[in-house]
Amino acid sequence: MQQYLDSEITISYNPTNQQFIEIEAWLFDENKKKKEGFYKNLNFVKSAFDTHQIAVITFKNMTIGFVTWFIYADKIATIEIAEIHPKYRKKGFGKNLITSLIDYFI
């Protein structure tokens, strides 16, 4: 499923391998430059990708963020990791991603 927020912003609940590679690259870069971010949790992010419990947000066809979740007892969902690329933070992308995820669960 894909949701188009406008002509430049898309949220995908079935991300591609290329999108995962893009996420891995910027998480690695963030960790290398600032020693922060979720690169140390990359195995968890990959597991969420493999089990289809990840959504990604793209802007102008570039993957700029993701959110992972876990569902308990088929009724309760918890957000595990939500991350926006450092260049795109504080611009509303995270809010769009989380709002879309809540709508997806409803």
C-alpha atoms as a PDB file:
ATOM      1  CA  MET A   1       0.000   0.000   0.000  1.00  0.00           C
ATOM      2  CA  GLN A   2       1.177   3.497  -0.822  1.00  0.00           C
ATOM      3  CA  GLN A   3      -0.264   6.746   0.339  1.00  0.00           C
ATOM      4  CA  TYR A   4       0.377   9.911  -1.646  1.00  0.00           C
ATOM      5  CA  LEU A   5       0.314  12.951   0.612  1.00  0.00           C
ATOM      6  CA  ASP A   6       1.047  15.226  -2.336  1.00  0.00           C
ATOM      7  CA  SER A   7       2.944  15.014  -5.615  1.00  0.00           C
ATOM      8  CA  GLU A   8       6.320  14.891  -3.820  1.00  0.00           C
ATOM      9  CA  ILE A   9       5.632  12.940  -0.594  1.00  0.00           C
ATOM     10  CA  THR A  10       4.775   9.231  -0.513  1.00  0.00           C
ATOM     11  CA  ILE A  11       4.422   6.775   2.337  1.00  0.00           C
ATOM     12  CA  SER A  12       4.867   3.094   1.526  1.00  0.00           C
ATOM     13  CA  TYR A  13       3.893   0.163   3.740  1.00  0.00           C
ATOM     14  CA  ASN A  14       5.688  -2.247   1.416  1.00  0.00           C
ATOM     15  CA  PRO A  15       9.112  -0.657   0.936  1.00  0.00           C
ATOM     16  CA  THR A  16      11.549  -1.909  -1.675  1.00  0.00           C
ATOM     17  CA  ASN A  17      15.024  -3.331  -1.140  1.00  0.00           C
ATOM     18  CA  GLN A  18      16.410  -0.110  -2.639  1.00  0.00           C
ATOM     19  CA  GLN A  19      14.598   1.929   0.008  1.00  0.00           C
ATOM     20  CA  PHE A  20      16.110  -0.244   2.749  1.00  0.00           C
ATOM     21  CA  ILE A  21      19.569   0.280   1.212  1.00  0.00           C
ATOM     22  CA  GLU A  22      18.986   4.055   1.273  1.00  0.00           C
ATOM     23  CA  ILE A  23      17.972   3.889   4.956  1.00  0.00           C
ATOM     24  CA  GLU A  24      21.014   1.776   5.803  1.00  0.00           C
ATOM     25  CA  ALA A  25      23.319   4.255   4.044  1.00  0.00           C
ATOM     26  CA  TRP A  26      22.107   7.342   5.873  1.00  0.00           C
ATOM     27  CA  LEU A  27      21.941   5.579   9.228  1.00  0.00           C
ATOM     28  CA  PHE A  28      25.564   4.490   8.703  1.00  0.00           C
ATOM     29  CA  ASP A  29      26.554   8.024   7.725  1.00  0.00           C
ATOM     30  CA  GLU A  30      24.793   9.547  10.745  1.00  0.00           C
ATOM     31  CA  ASN A  31      26.500   7.077  13.065  1.00  0.00           C
ATOM     32  CA  LYS A  32      29.908   7.691  11.482  1.00  0.00           C
ATOM     33  CA  LYS A  33      29.668  11.490  11.633  1.00  0.00           C
ATOM     34  CA  LYS A  34      27.827  12.046  14.910  1.00  0.00           C
ATOM     35  CA  LYS A  35      27.931   8.687  16.731  1.00  0.00           C
ATOM     36  CA  GLU A  36      24.148   8.783  17.050  1.00  0.00           C
ATOM     37  CA  GLY A  37      21.074   7.422  15.337  1.00  0.00           C
ATOM     38  CA  PHE A  38      19.719   3.925  14.882  1.00  0.00           C
ATOM     39  CA  TYR A  39      22.534   2.276  12.925  1.00  0.00           C
ATOM     40  CA  LYS A  40      23.314   0.148  15.986  1.00  0.00           C
ATOM     41  CA  ASN A  41      19.732  -1.180  15.668  1.00  0.00           C
ATOM     42  CA  LEU A  42      20.052  -1.998  11.969  1.00  0.00           C
ATOM     43  CA  ASN A  43      19.332  -5.695  12.585  1.00  0.00           C
ATOM     44  CA  PHE A  44      16.042  -4.708  14.223  1.00  0.00           C
ATOM     45  CA  VAL A  45      15.186  -2.417  11.297  1.00  0.00           C
ATOM     46  CA  LYS A  46      16.019  -5.227   8.848  1.00  0.00           C
ATOM     47  CA  SER A  47      13.808  -7.623  10.804  1.00  0.00           C
ATOM     48  CA  ALA A  48      10.933  -5.121  10.613  1.00  0.00           C
ATOM     49  CA  PHE A  49      11.557  -4.842   6.862  1.00  0.00           C
ATOM     50  CA  ASP A  50      11.533  -8.637   6.464  1.00  0.00           C
ATOM     51  CA  THR A  51       8.286  -9.006   8.458  1.00  0.00           C
ATOM     52  CA  HIS A  52       6.521  -6.059   6.766  1.00  0.00           C
ATOM     53  CA  GLN A  53       6.359  -3.987   9.931  1.00  0.00           C
ATOM     54  CA  ILE A  54       7.986  -0.886   8.504  1.00  0.00           C
ATOM     55  CA  ALA A  55       6.749   2.110   6.551  1.00  0.00           C
ATOM     56  CA  VAL A  56       8.944   4.578   4.713  1.00  0.00           C
ATOM     57  CA  ILE A  57       8.381   8.161   3.694  1.00  0.00           C
ATOM     58  CA  THR A  58       9.875   9.497   0.489  1.00  0.00           C
ATOM     59  CA  PHE A  59      10.284  13.068  -0.657  1.00  0.00           C
ATOM     60  CA  LYS A  60      10.993  13.711  -4.315  1.00  0.00           C
ATOM     61  CA  ASN A  61      11.635   9.954  -4.745  1.00  0.00           C
ATOM     62  CA  MET A  62      14.291   9.897  -1.989  1.00  0.00           C
ATOM     63  CA  THR A  63      13.765   7.820   1.155  1.00  0.00           C
ATOM     64  CA  ILE A  64      13.939  10.254   4.067  1.00  0.00           C
ATOM     65  CA  GLY A  65      12.418   8.389   7.000  1.00  0.00           C
ATOM     66  CA  PHE A  66      10.877   5.258   8.399  1.00  0.00           C
ATOM     67  CA  VAL A  67       8.844   3.898  11.267  1.00  0.00           C
ATOM     68  CA  THR A  68       8.816   0.326  12.607  1.00  0.00           C
ATOM     69  CA  TRP A  69       6.176  -1.273  14.773  1.00  0.00           C
ATOM     70  CA  PHE A  70       5.292  -4.461  16.568  1.00  0.00           C
ATOM     71  CA  ILE A  71       1.805  -5.912  16.988  1.00  0.00           C
ATOM     72  CA  TYR A  72       0.925  -7.763  20.196  1.00  0.00           C
ATOM     73  CA  ALA A  73      -1.959 -10.223  20.431  1.00  0.00           C
ATOM     74  CA  ASP A  74      -3.341  -9.007  17.080  1.00  0.00           C
ATOM     75  CA  LYS A  75      -4.779  -5.939  18.842  1.00  0.00           C
ATOM     76  CA  ILE A  76      -2.052  -3.698  20.188  1.00  0.00           C
ATOM     77  CA  ALA A  77       0.532  -1.953  18.039  1.00  0.00           C
ATOM     78  CA  THR A  78       3.577  -0.188  19.418  1.00  0.00           C
ATOM     79  CA  ILE A  79       5.912   2.068  17.519  1.00  0.00           C
ATOM     80  CA  GLU A  80       9.422   0.746  17.992  1.00  0.00           C
ATOM     81  CA  ILE A  81      11.578   3.178  15.987  1.00  0.00           C
ATOM     82  CA  ALA A  82      10.705   6.366  14.134  1.00  0.00           C
ATOM     83  CA  GLU A  83      13.517   8.138  12.307  1.00  0.00           C
ATOM     84  CA  ILE A  84      13.765  10.989   9.834  1.00  0.00           C
ATOM     85  CA  HIS A  85      16.964  11.758   7.929  1.00  0.00           C
ATOM     86  CA  PRO A  86      18.785  14.620   9.719  1.00  0.00           C
ATOM     87  CA  LYS A  87      18.443  16.964   6.696  1.00  0.00           C
ATOM     88  CA  TYR A  88      14.652  16.636   6.779  1.00  0.00           C
ATOM     89  CA  ARG A  89      13.911  16.925  10.494  1.00  0.00           C
ATOM     90  CA  LYS A  90      11.664  19.670  11.885  1.00  0.00           C
ATOM     91  CA  LYS A  91       9.835  20.022   8.571  1.00  0.00           C
ATOM     92  CA  GLY A  92       6.701  17.989   9.378  1.00  0.00           C
ATOM     93  CA  PHE A  93       7.736  14.731   7.699  1.00  0.00           C
ATOM     94  CA  GLY A  94       7.754  12.787  10.973  1.00  0.00           C
ATOM     95  CA  LYS A  95       4.283  14.054  11.841  1.00  0.00           C
ATOM     96  CA  ASN A  96       3.029  13.012   8.392  1.00  0.00           C
ATOM     97  CA  LEU A  97       4.556   9.569   8.788  1.00  0.00           C
ATOM     98  CA  ILE A  98       3.123   8.913  12.264  1.00  0.00           C
ATOM     99  CA  THR A  99      -0.317  10.302  11.347  1.00  0.00           C
ATOM    100  CA  SER A 100      -0.398   8.044   8.301  1.00  0.00           C
ATOM    101  CA  LEU A 101       0.609   5.034  10.408  1.00  0.00           C
ATOM    102  CA  ILE A 102      -2.185   5.686  12.896  1.00  0.00           C
ATOM    103  CA  ASP A 103      -4.668   5.897  10.012  1.00  0.00           C
ATOM    104  CA  TYR A 104      -3.212   2.667   8.593  1.00  0.00           C
ATOM    105  CA  PHE A 105      -3.820   0.851  11.883  1.00  0.00           C
ATOM    106  CA  ILE A 106      -7.371   2.187  12.207  1.00  0.00           C
END
